[in-house]
PDB file of N, CA and C in Angstrom:
ATOM      1  N   MET A   1       0.896  -1.025  -0.188  1.00  0.00           N
ATOM      2  CA  MET A   1      -0.347   0.059   0.042  1.00  0.00           C
ATOM      3  C   MET A   1       0.974   0.941  -0.060  1.00  0.00           C
ATOM      4  N   LYS A   2       0.191   2.272  -1.090  1.00  0.00           N
ATOM      5  CA  LYS A   2       1.463   3.474  -1.137  1.00  0.00           C
ATOM      6  C   LYS A   2       0.020   4.608  -1.143  1.00  0.00           C
ATOM      7  N   ARG A   3       0.679   5.705   0.113  1.00  0.00           N
ATOM      8  CA  ARG A   3       0.247   6.885  -0.020  1.00  0.00           C
ATOM      9  C   ARG A   3       1.035   7.854  -0.882  1.00  0.00           C
ATOM     10  N   TYR A   4      -0.348   8.924  -1.606  1.00  0.00           N
ATOM     11  CA  TYR A   4       0.255  10.057  -2.340  1.00  0.00           C
ATOM     12  C   TYR A   4      -0.715  11.163  -2.109  1.00  0.00           C
ATOM     13  N   ASP A   5       0.273  12.245  -1.774  1.00  0.00           N
ATOM     14  CA  ASP A   5      -0.447  13.674  -1.471  1.00  0.00           C
ATOM     15  C   ASP A   5      -0.140  14.286  -2.638  1.00  0.00           C
ATOM     16  N   LEU A   6      -1.590  14.836  -3.289  1.00  0.00           N
ATOM     17  CA  LEU A   6      -1.478  15.554  -4.337  1.00  0.00           C
ATOM     18  C   LEU A   6      -1.956  16.574  -4.192  1.00  0.00           C
ATOM     19  N   ARG A   7      -2.195  16.972  -3.013  1.00  0.00           N
ATOM     20  CA  ARG A   7      -3.131  18.444  -2.757  1.00  0.00           C
ATOM     21  C   ARG A   7      -2.413  19.818  -3.293  1.00  0.00           C
ATOM     22  N   HIS A   8      -1.031  19.566  -2.813  1.00  0.00           N
ATOM     23  CA  HIS A   8       0.148  21.146  -3.705  1.00  0.00           C
ATOM     24  C   HIS A   8      -0.614  21.009  -5.274  1.00  0.00           C
ATOM     25  N   LEU A   9      -1.233  19.727  -6.306  1.00  0.00           N
ATOM     26  CA  LEU A   9      -1.483  20.170  -7.146  1.00  0.00           C
ATOM     27  C   LEU A   9      -2.673  20.727  -7.724  1.00  0.00           C
ATOM     28  N   LYS A  10      -3.511  21.611  -6.403  1.00  0.00           N
ATOM     29  CA  LYS A  10      -4.999  21.853  -6.708  1.00  0.00           C
ATOM     30  C   LYS A  10      -5.684  20.976  -7.386  1.00  0.00           C
ATOM     31  N   GLU A  11      -6.635  21.706  -8.779  1.00  0.00           N
ATOM     32  CA  GLU A  11      -7.437  20.711  -9.551  1.00  0.00           C
ATOM     33  C   GLU A  11      -6.810  20.257 -10.873  1.00  0.00           C
ATOM     34  N   ASN A  12      -5.343  20.146 -10.616  1.00  0.00           N
ATOM     35  CA  ASN A  12      -4.225  19.986 -11.828  1.00  0.00           C
ATOM     36  C   ASN A  12      -3.514  18.268 -11.085  1.00  0.00           C
ATOM     37  N   PHE A  13      -4.388  17.450 -10.300  1.00  0.00           N
ATOM     38  CA  PHE A  13      -4.190  16.242 -10.035  1.00  0.00           C
ATOM     39  C   PHE A  13      -4.244  15.078 -10.779  1.00  0.00           C
ATOM     40  N   TYR A  14      -5.232  15.371 -12.160  1.00  0.00           N
ATOM     41  CA  TYR A  14      -5.543  14.212 -12.502  1.00  0.00           C
ATOM     42  C   TYR A  14      -4.225  13.488 -13.231  1.00  0.00           C
ATOM     43  N   ASP A  15      -3.717  13.825 -14.455  1.00  0.00           N
ATOM     44  CA  ASP A  15      -2.281  13.469 -15.154  1.00  0.00           C
ATOM     45  C   ASP A  15      -1.754  12.746 -13.884  1.00  0.00           C
ATOM     46  N   ARG A  16      -1.284  13.375 -12.809  1.00  0.00           N
ATOM     47  CA  ARG A  16      -0.221  12.663 -11.700  1.00  0.00           C
ATOM     48  C   ARG A  16      -0.705  11.438 -11.367  1.00  0.00           C
ATOM     49  N   MET A  17      -2.102  11.595 -10.667  1.00  0.00           N
ATOM     50  CA  MET A  17      -2.435  10.304 -10.070  1.00  0.00           C
ATOM     51  C   MET A  17      -2.665   9.289 -11.697  1.00  0.00           C
ATOM     52  N   ILE A  18      -3.137   9.204 -12.581  1.00  0.00           N
ATOM     53  CA  ILE A  18      -3.216   8.315 -13.367  1.00  0.00           C
ATOM     54  C   ILE A  18      -1.633   7.870 -13.528  1.00  0.00           C
ATOM     55  N   GLU A  19      -0.943   8.817 -13.680  1.00  0.00           N
ATOM     56  CA  GLU A  19       0.649   8.434 -13.835  1.00  0.00           C
ATOM     57  C   GLU A  19       1.212   7.645 -12.761  1.00  0.00           C
ATOM     58  N   LEU A  20       0.830   7.758 -11.592  1.00  0.00           N
ATOM     59  CA  LEU A  20       1.446   7.276 -10.442  1.00  0.00           C
ATOM     60  C   LEU A  20       0.915   5.562 -10.842  1.00  0.00           C
ATOM     61  N   ILE A  21      -0.343   5.671 -10.549  1.00  0.00           N
ATOM     62  CA  ILE A  21      -1.506   4.211 -10.546  1.00  0.00           C
ATOM     63  C   ILE A  21      -0.542   3.403 -11.944  1.00  0.00           C
ATOM     64  N   GLU A  22      -0.421   4.019 -12.926  1.00  0.00           N
ATOM     65  CA  GLU A  22       0.681   3.143 -13.871  1.00  0.00           C
ATOM     66  C   GLU A  22       2.080   2.764 -14.197  1.00  0.00           C
ATOM     67  N   SER A  23       2.603   3.663 -13.258  1.00  0.00           N
ATOM     68  CA  SER A  23       3.745   3.436 -12.970  1.00  0.00           C
ATOM     69  C   SER A  23       4.219   2.794 -11.505  1.00  0.00           C
ATOM     70  N   ASP A  24       3.678   3.640 -10.781  1.00  0.00           N
ATOM     71  CA  ASP A  24       4.386   2.876  -9.195  1.00  0.00           C
ATOM     72  C   ASP A  24       3.327   2.197  -8.545  1.00  0.00           C
ATOM     73  N   LEU A  25       1.796   1.583  -9.135  1.00  0.00           N
ATOM     74  CA  LEU A  25       1.868   0.820  -8.173  1.00  0.00           C
ATOM     75  C   LEU A  25       1.594  -0.590  -8.710  1.00  0.00           C
ATOM     76  N   ALA A  26       1.846  -1.687  -8.244  1.00  0.00           N
ATOM     77  CA  ALA A  26       2.312  -3.046  -8.509  1.00  0.00           C
ATOM     78  C   ALA A  26       0.505  -3.183  -8.955  1.00  0.00           C
ATOM     79  N   ASN A  27       0.861  -4.317  -9.696  1.00  0.00           N
ATOM     80  CA  ASN A  27      -0.377  -5.113 -10.515  1.00  0.00           C
ATOM     81  C   ASN A  27      -0.956  -5.601  -8.698  1.00  0.00           C
ATOM     82  N   GLY A  28      -2.135  -5.473  -8.505  1.00  0.00           N
ATOM     83  CA  GLY A  28      -2.890  -6.308  -7.433  1.00  0.00           C
ATOM     84  C   GLY A  28      -2.800  -4.990  -5.722  1.00  0.00           C
ATOM     85  N   GLU A  29      -1.642  -3.706  -6.101  1.00  0.00           N
ATOM     86  CA  GLU A  29      -1.448  -3.493  -5.145  1.00  0.00           C
ATOM     87  C   GLU A  29      -2.792  -1.947  -4.642  1.00  0.00           C
ATOM     88  N   VAL A  30      -2.813  -1.619  -3.721  1.00  0.00           N
ATOM     89  CA  VAL A  30      -3.432  -0.507  -3.066  1.00  0.00           C
ATOM     90  C   VAL A  30      -2.942   1.001  -2.930  1.00  0.00           C
ATOM     91  N   GLY A  31      -3.395   2.128  -3.976  1.00  0.00           N
ATOM     92  CA  GLY A  31      -2.643   3.463  -3.313  1.00  0.00           C
ATOM     93  C   GLY A  31      -3.645   3.981  -3.142  1.00  0.00           C
ATOM     94  N   ILE A  32      -3.301   5.218  -1.786  1.00  0.00           N
ATOM     95  CA  ILE A  32      -4.254   6.079  -1.249  1.00  0.00           C
ATOM     96  C   ILE A  32      -3.526   7.551  -1.890  1.00  0.00           C
ATOM     97  N   PHE A  33      -4.782   8.147  -2.536  1.00  0.00           N
ATOM     98  CA  PHE A  33      -4.396   9.533  -2.829  1.00  0.00           C
ATOM     99  C   PHE A  33      -5.150  10.538  -2.528  1.00  0.00           C
ATOM    100  N   LEU A  34      -4.738  11.550  -1.990  1.00  0.00           N
ATOM    101  CA  LEU A  34      -4.957  12.534  -1.140  1.00  0.00           C
ATOM    102  C   LEU A  34      -5.363  13.738  -2.026  1.00  0.00           C
ATOM    103  N   PHE A  35      -6.356  14.759  -2.403  1.00  0.00           N
ATOM    104  CA  PHE A  35      -6.413  15.783  -3.223  1.00  0.00           C
ATOM    105  C   PHE A  35      -7.228  16.559  -2.450  1.00  0.00           C
ATOM    106  N   GLU A  36      -7.301  17.898  -3.577  1.00  0.00           N
ATOM    107  CA  GLU A  36      -8.326  18.857  -2.640  1.00  0.00           C
ATOM    108  C   GLU A  36      -9.470  18.815  -3.376  1.00  0.00           C
ATOM    109  N   ILE A  37     -11.174  19.009  -2.962  1.00  0.00           N
ATOM    110  CA  ILE A  37     -12.171  19.198  -3.612  1.00  0.00           C
ATOM    111  C   ILE A  37     -12.404  20.117  -4.077  1.00  0.00           C
ATOM    112  N   GLY A  38     -12.244  21.406  -3.768  1.00  0.00           N
ATOM    113  CA  GLY A  38     -13.278  22.437  -4.390  1.00  0.00           C
ATOM    114  C   GLY A  38     -14.371  22.175  -4.439  1.00  0.00           C
ATOM    115  N   ASP A  39     -15.406  22.060  -5.340  1.00  0.00           N
ATOM    116  CA  ASP A  39     -16.111  22.220  -5.921  1.00  0.00           C
ATOM    117  C   ASP A  39     -17.012  20.911  -6.207  1.00  0.00           C
ATOM    118  N   PHE A  40     -16.170  19.616  -5.672  1.00  0.00           N
ATOM    119  CA  PHE A  40     -16.840  18.232  -5.410  1.00  0.00           C
ATOM    120  C   PHE A  40     -17.050  17.735  -6.765  1.00  0.00           C
ATOM    121  N   SER A  41     -16.460  18.572  -8.083  1.00  0.00           N
ATOM    122  CA  SER A  41     -16.391  17.861  -9.399  1.00  0.00           C
ATOM    123  C   SER A  41     -15.223  16.992 -10.032  1.00  0.00           C
ATOM    124  N   PRO A  42     -14.069  17.071  -8.870  1.00  0.00           N
ATOM    125  CA  PRO A  42     -13.177  16.528  -8.927  1.00  0.00           C
ATOM    126  C   PRO A  42     -13.460  14.141  -8.598  1.00  0.00           C
ATOM    127  N   ILE A  43     -14.577  15.028  -7.624  1.00  0.00           N
ATOM    128  CA  ILE A  43     -14.363  13.206  -6.812  1.00  0.00           C
ATOM    129  C   ILE A  43     -14.639  12.422  -8.071  1.00  0.00           C
ATOM    130  N   GLN A  44     -16.260  12.996  -8.895  1.00  0.00           N
ATOM    131  CA  GLN A  44     -16.514  12.022  -9.982  1.00  0.00           C
ATOM    132  C   GLN A  44     -15.951  11.869 -10.806  1.00  0.00           C
ATOM    133  N   LYS A  45     -14.702  12.879 -11.512  1.00  0.00           N
ATOM    134  CA  LYS A  45     -13.855  12.782 -12.207  1.00  0.00           C
ATOM    135  C   LYS A  45     -12.569  11.809 -12.048  1.00  0.00           C
ATOM    136  N   SER A  46     -12.521  11.814 -10.708  1.00  0.00           N
ATOM    137  CA  SER A  46     -11.300  11.134 -10.251  1.00  0.00           C
ATOM    138  C   SER A  46     -12.004   9.542 -10.479  1.00  0.00           C
ATOM    139  N   ALA A  47     -13.017   9.083 -10.131  1.00  0.00           N
ATOM    140  CA  ALA A  47     -13.481   7.834  -9.693  1.00  0.00           C
ATOM    141  C   ALA A  47     -13.684   7.180 -11.233  1.00  0.00           C
ATOM    142  N   ASP A  48     -13.954   8.155 -12.135  1.00  0.00           N
ATOM    143  CA  ASP A  48     -14.203   7.854 -13.564  1.00  0.00           C
ATOM    144  C   ASP A  48     -12.974   7.326 -14.031  1.00  0.00           C
ATOM    145  N   LEU A  49     -11.771   8.376 -14.033  1.00  0.00           N
ATOM    146  CA  LEU A  49     -11.063   8.083 -14.369  1.00  0.00           C
ATOM    147  C   LEU A  49      -9.776   6.529 -14.126  1.00  0.00           C
ATOM    148  N   VAL A  50     -10.058   6.465 -12.412  1.00  0.00           N
ATOM    149  CA  VAL A  50      -9.666   5.279 -11.993  1.00  0.00           C
ATOM    150  C   VAL A  50     -10.419   4.019 -12.775  1.00  0.00           C
ATOM    151  N   LYS A  51     -11.733   3.746 -12.792  1.00  0.00           N
ATOM    152  CA  LYS A  51     -12.192   3.101 -13.816  1.00  0.00           C
ATOM    153  C   LYS A  51     -11.683   3.000 -15.440  1.00  0.00           C
ATOM    154  N   GLU A  52     -11.647   3.929 -16.084  1.00  0.00           N
ATOM    155  CA  GLU A  52     -11.157   4.180 -17.342  1.00  0.00           C
ATOM    156  C   GLU A  52      -9.875   3.250 -17.553  1.00  0.00           C
ATOM    157  N   HIS A  53      -8.934   2.963 -16.351  1.00  0.00           N
ATOM    158  CA  HIS A  53      -7.826   2.712 -16.023  1.00  0.00           C
ATOM    159  C   HIS A  53      -7.831   1.550 -15.837  1.00  0.00           C
ATOM    160  N   GLY A  54      -8.796   0.572 -15.253  1.00  0.00           N
ATOM    161  CA  GLY A  54      -8.627  -0.832 -15.126  1.00  0.00           C
ATOM    162  C   GLY A  54      -8.407  -1.009 -13.807  1.00  0.00           C
ATOM    163  N   CYS A  55      -8.736  -0.052 -12.856  1.00  0.00           N
ATOM    164  CA  CYS A  55      -8.839  -0.565 -11.818  1.00  0.00           C
ATOM    165  C   CYS A  55     -10.022  -0.127 -10.560  1.00  0.00           C
ATOM    166  N   GLU A  56      -9.649  -0.730  -9.529  1.00  0.00           N
ATOM    167  CA  GLU A  56     -11.392  -0.669  -8.828  1.00  0.00           C
ATOM    168  C   GLU A  56     -11.079   0.952  -7.606  1.00  0.00           C
ATOM    169  N   LEU A  57     -12.002   1.374  -7.338  1.00  0.00           N
ATOM    170  CA  LEU A  57     -12.233   2.087  -6.597  1.00  0.00           C
ATOM    171  C   LEU A  57     -12.629   1.830  -5.216  1.00  0.00           C
ATOM    172  N   MET A  58     -12.103   1.390  -4.219  1.00  0.00           N
ATOM    173  CA  MET A  58     -12.480   0.364  -3.051  1.00  0.00           C
ATOM    174  C   MET A  58     -13.026   1.517  -2.077  1.00  0.00           C
ATOM    175  N   ASN A  59     -12.601   2.873  -2.392  1.00  0.00           N
ATOM    176  CA  ASN A  59     -13.206   4.101  -0.939  1.00  0.00           C
ATOM    177  C   ASN A  59     -12.781   5.444  -1.409  1.00  0.00           C
ATOM    178  N   SER A  60     -13.976   6.069  -1.297  1.00  0.00           N
ATOM    179  CA  SER A  60     -13.583   7.587  -1.544  1.00  0.00           C
ATOM    180  C   SER A  60     -14.632   8.291  -0.149  1.00  0.00           C
ATOM    181  N   LEU A  61     -13.583   9.420   0.633  1.00  0.00           N
ATOM    182  CA  LEU A  61     -14.079  10.143   1.530  1.00  0.00           C
ATOM    183  C   LEU A  61     -13.667  11.548   1.656  1.00  0.00           C
ATOM    184  N   LYS A  62     -14.596  11.806   2.777  1.00  0.00           N
ATOM    185  CA  LYS A  62     -14.045  13.379   3.118  1.00  0.00           C
ATOM    186  C   LYS A  62     -12.928  13.516   4.436  1.00  0.00           C
ATOM    187  N   PHE A  63     -11.864  13.835   3.947  1.00  0.00           N
ATOM    188  CA  PHE A  63     -11.000  14.196   4.813  1.00  0.00           C
ATOM    189  C   PHE A  63     -11.005  14.663   5.739  1.00  0.00           C
ATOM    190  N   ASN A  64     -11.204  15.967   5.526  1.00  0.00           N
ATOM    191  CA  ASN A  64     -11.271  17.667   6.471  1.00  0.00           C
ATOM    192  C   ASN A  64     -12.397  18.115   5.337  1.00  0.00           C
ATOM    193  N   GLU A  65     -12.043  19.646   5.305  1.00  0.00           N
ATOM    194  CA  GLU A  65     -13.063  20.365   4.918  1.00  0.00           C
ATOM    195  C   GLU A  65     -12.823  20.867   3.646  1.00  0.00           C
ATOM    196  N   VAL A  66     -11.664  20.493   3.298  1.00  0.00           N
ATOM    197  CA  VAL A  66     -11.246  20.680   1.942  1.00  0.00           C
ATOM    198  C   VAL A  66     -10.880  19.410   0.824  1.00  0.00           C
ATOM    199  N   ASP A  67      -9.845  18.369   1.298  1.00  0.00           N
ATOM    200  CA  ASP A  67      -9.489  17.346   1.506  1.00  0.00           C
ATOM    201  C   ASP A  67     -10.356  16.305   0.988  1.00  0.00           C
ATOM    202  N   TRP A  68      -9.737  15.453   0.176  1.00  0.00           N
ATOM    203  CA  TRP A  68     -10.597  14.116  -0.333  1.00  0.00           C
ATOM    204  C   TRP A  68      -9.682  13.176  -0.193  1.00  0.00           C
ATOM    205  N   THR A  69     -10.610  11.574   0.012  1.00  0.00           N
ATOM    206  CA  THR A  69      -9.090  10.793  -0.129  1.00  0.00           C
ATOM    207  C   THR A  69     -10.049   9.427  -1.089  1.00  0.00           C
ATOM    208  N   ILE A  70      -8.638   8.967  -2.171  1.00  0.00           N
ATOM    209  CA  ILE A  70      -9.376   7.881  -2.804  1.00  0.00           C
ATOM    210  C   ILE A  70      -8.699   6.440  -2.263  1.00  0.00           C
ATOM    211  N   VAL A  71      -8.972   5.384  -2.301  1.00  0.00           N
ATOM    212  CA  VAL A  71      -8.399   4.153  -2.088  1.00  0.00           C
ATOM    213  C   VAL A  71      -8.671   3.277  -3.775  1.00  0.00           C
ATOM    214  N   VAL A  72      -7.467   3.232  -4.191  1.00  0.00           N
ATOM    215  CA  VAL A  72      -7.157   2.877  -5.201  1.00  0.00           C
ATOM    216  C   VAL A  72      -6.638   1.257  -5.479  1.00  0.00           C
ATOM    217  N   LYS A  73      -7.399   0.413  -5.957  1.00  0.00           N
ATOM    218  CA  LYS A  73      -6.677  -1.387  -5.857  1.00  0.00           C
ATOM    219  C   LYS A  73      -6.252  -1.574  -7.429  1.00  0.00           C
ATOM    220  N   LYS A  74      -4.983  -1.403  -7.987  1.00  0.00           N
ATOM    221  CA  LYS A  74      -4.784  -1.578  -9.389  1.00  0.00           C
ATOM    222  C   LYS A  74      -4.787  -3.038  -9.926  1.00  0.00           C
ATOM    223  N   LYS A  75      -5.696  -3.342 -10.445  1.00  0.00           N
ATOM    224  CA  LYS A  75      -6.143  -4.941 -10.940  1.00  0.00           C
ATOM    225  C   LYS A  75      -5.069  -5.650 -11.221  1.00  0.00           C
ATOM    226  N   ALA A  76      -5.071  -6.999 -11.085  1.00  0.00           N
ATOM    227  CA  ALA A  76      -3.671  -7.706 -11.392  1.00  0.00           C
ATOM    228  C   ALA A  76      -3.969  -8.330 -12.650  1.00  0.00           C
ATOM    229  N   GLU A  77      -3.007  -8.354 -13.644  1.00  0.00           N
ATOM    230  CA  GLU A  77      -3.186  -8.435 -15.486  1.00  0.00           C
ATOM    231  C   GLU A  77      -3.066 -10.060 -15.230  1.00  0.00           C
TER     232      GLU A  77
END
């Protein structure tokens, strides 16, 4: 399991999240991604991106007033 803090990227975290899923997570490994939510639109978009890249969204929850956490499992090939 790996944890990634993408809050410093603000609303521009999507490309980095996908890059980390593809290059840093092993097949079957779980990653925890922390990002800022702003207007809540990043929540659905991040869930859609996870699914598009063949991963399982295991959990999605509000971390505090401005941050969101998603737990992603990279499927074994």
